[in-house]
Amino acid sequence: VLGVFGWGGGSASEVYFREDYRVVGIDVIAPPFKEVSAGIDIVTSLIKTHRLFIFSNQKRLIKEFEEYSYKLDSEGDVTSIIQNKELYHGLDSVRYACSCLERVNNGVASSFLLISGKSLLDG
């Protein structure tokens, strides 16, 4: 496929998802990490190095970026638990895509990811 240098997707546990594609000749790699924090670090790095661009029409995804936070414990200290994690499917997808981009492209500094177009969730 023109412009596609690799395929990645699904969570680390979604083996059958990737196997369905492999059967028809598409090798979809799993994200290299199971830990959410490792994926967050990759996304943060790509943003800081101007290698991840989210277009303004991605309103739902931008809202997820703005609202994403960690729970606080009873003393007000930050925990490692993400507040309402089940609500952030868009950010989960971004984490998977960014993690796979780094893995497929072996971290080549010139690689970048654009997220544009109309979201299926926006109707």
Protein backbone atom coordinates (compact mmCIF):
# COMPACT_ATOMS: atom_id res chain seq x y z
CA VAL A 1 0.00 0.00 0.00
CA LEU A 2 1.40 3.36 -1.03
CA GLY A 3 2.75 5.32 1.93
CA VAL A 4 2.31 2.50 4.45
CA PHE A 5 5.56 1.27 5.97
CA GLY A 6 4.02 -0.98 8.59
CA TRP A 7 0.84 -1.93 10.39
CA GLY A 8 0.22 -1.77 14.12
CA GLY A 9 -2.83 -1.96 16.28
CA GLY A 10 -4.89 -3.36 19.06
CA SER A 11 -3.90 -3.63 22.67
CA ALA A 12 -1.14 -6.03 23.65
CA SER A 13 -3.76 -8.65 24.59
CA GLU A 14 -5.67 -8.51 21.28
CA VAL A 15 -3.81 -11.39 19.65
CA TYR A 16 -6.81 -12.67 17.64
CA PHE A 17 -7.36 -9.23 16.09
CA ARG A 18 -3.83 -9.26 14.68
CA GLU A 19 -4.06 -12.93 13.66
CA ASP A 20 -7.16 -12.19 11.52
CA TYR A 21 -5.10 -9.69 9.52
CA ARG A 22 -2.03 -11.94 9.38
CA VAL A 23 -4.11 -14.66 7.69
CA VAL A 24 -4.73 -12.30 4.74
CA GLY A 25 -1.11 -11.18 4.53
CA ILE A 26 -1.04 -8.07 6.73
CA ASP A 27 1.40 -8.33 9.62
CA VAL A 28 -0.10 -6.09 12.33
CA ILE A 29 2.35 -5.67 15.19
CA ALA A 30 1.32 -5.29 18.81
CA PRO A 31 2.25 -2.21 20.80
CA PRO A 32 5.68 -2.83 22.33
CA PHE A 33 4.47 -2.04 25.88
CA LYS A 34 1.65 -3.20 28.10
CA GLU A 35 2.23 -0.35 30.55
CA VAL A 36 0.11 2.73 29.91
CA SER A 37 2.86 4.99 31.28
CA ALA A 38 5.34 3.82 28.61
CA GLY A 39 2.85 4.69 25.88
CA ILE A 40 2.18 8.08 27.47
CA ASP A 41 5.93 8.75 27.48
CA ILE A 42 6.12 7.99 23.74
CA VAL A 43 3.17 10.28 22.93
CA THR A 44 4.65 13.05 25.08
CA SER A 45 8.01 12.69 23.37
CA LEU A 46 6.46 12.82 19.89
CA ILE A 47 4.51 15.96 20.78
CA LYS A 48 7.55 17.68 22.30
CA THR A 49 9.70 16.87 19.25
CA HIS A 50 7.01 18.05 16.81
CA ARG A 51 6.48 14.57 15.40
CA LEU A 52 2.81 14.17 16.41
CA PHE A 53 0.24 16.56 15.04
CA ILE A 54 -3.42 16.58 16.06
CA PHE A 55 -5.56 18.72 13.79
CA SER A 56 -8.14 21.10 15.27
CA ASN A 57 -11.04 19.15 13.74
CA GLN A 58 -10.32 16.32 16.21
CA LYS A 59 -12.43 17.97 18.92
CA ARG A 60 -13.28 14.80 20.83
CA LEU A 61 -9.63 13.69 20.89
CA ILE A 62 -8.45 17.14 21.97
CA LYS A 63 -11.02 17.07 24.78
CA GLU A 64 -9.60 13.71 25.90
CA PHE A 65 -6.10 15.21 25.98
CA GLU A 66 -7.40 18.11 28.09
CA GLU A 67 -9.31 15.93 30.58
CA TYR A 68 -6.88 13.01 30.97
CA SER A 69 -5.56 12.89 34.53
CA TYR A 70 -4.39 10.62 37.30
CA LYS A 71 -6.41 9.95 40.46
CA LEU A 72 -5.33 11.57 43.70
CA ASP A 73 -5.03 9.63 46.93
CA SER A 74 -6.63 10.69 50.22
CA GLU A 75 -3.73 13.08 50.91
CA GLY A 76 -3.92 14.74 47.48
CA ASP A 77 -0.88 12.98 46.02
CA VAL A 78 -0.93 11.73 42.44
CA THR A 79 -1.34 7.97 42.01
CA SER A 80 -0.53 5.82 38.98
CA ILE A 81 -4.25 5.17 38.37
CA ILE A 82 -5.88 7.06 35.49
CA GLN A 83 -9.11 8.83 36.40
CA ASN A 84 -12.04 7.37 34.38
CA LYS A 85 -9.68 5.43 32.09
CA GLU A 86 -12.60 3.71 30.36
CA LEU A 87 -13.61 7.05 28.77
CA TYR A 88 -10.38 7.62 26.81
CA HIS A 89 -10.61 5.32 23.79
CA GLY A 90 -9.22 8.00 21.48
CA LEU A 91 -6.12 8.44 23.60
CA ASP A 92 -5.72 4.67 23.85
CA SER A 93 -5.67 4.58 20.05
CA VAL A 94 -3.14 7.40 19.86
CA ARG A 95 -0.91 5.59 22.37
CA TYR A 96 -1.09 2.36 20.36
CA ALA A 97 -0.42 4.14 17.07
CA CYS A 98 2.52 6.11 18.45
CA SER A 99 4.01 3.05 20.14
CA CYS A 100 3.70 1.05 16.92
CA LEU A 101 5.15 3.92 14.87
CA GLU A 102 8.24 3.92 17.05
CA ARG A 103 8.54 0.13 16.79
CA VAL A 104 7.90 -0.20 13.03
CA ASN A 105 10.21 2.68 12.18
CA ASN A 106 12.83 1.81 14.83
CA GLY A 107 12.56 5.31 16.27
CA VAL A 108 13.82 7.05 13.13
CA ALA A 109 13.67 10.74 13.98
CA SER A 110 12.13 11.76 10.67
CA SER A 111 8.95 9.70 11.20
CA PHE A 112 5.82 11.52 12.25
CA LEU A 113 2.10 10.90 12.68
CA LEU A 114 -0.77 13.11 11.58
CA ILE A 115 -4.23 12.64 13.05
CA SER A 116 -6.80 14.36 10.88
CA GLY A 117 -10.10 13.73 9.15
CA LYS A 118 -13.54 13.23 10.61
CA SER A 119 -13.79 10.98 13.62
CA LEU A 120 -16.34 8.19 13.38
CA LEU A 121 -17.39 9.15 16.91
CA ASP A 122 -18.30 12.69 15.82
CA GLY A 123 -21.19 11.46 13.67
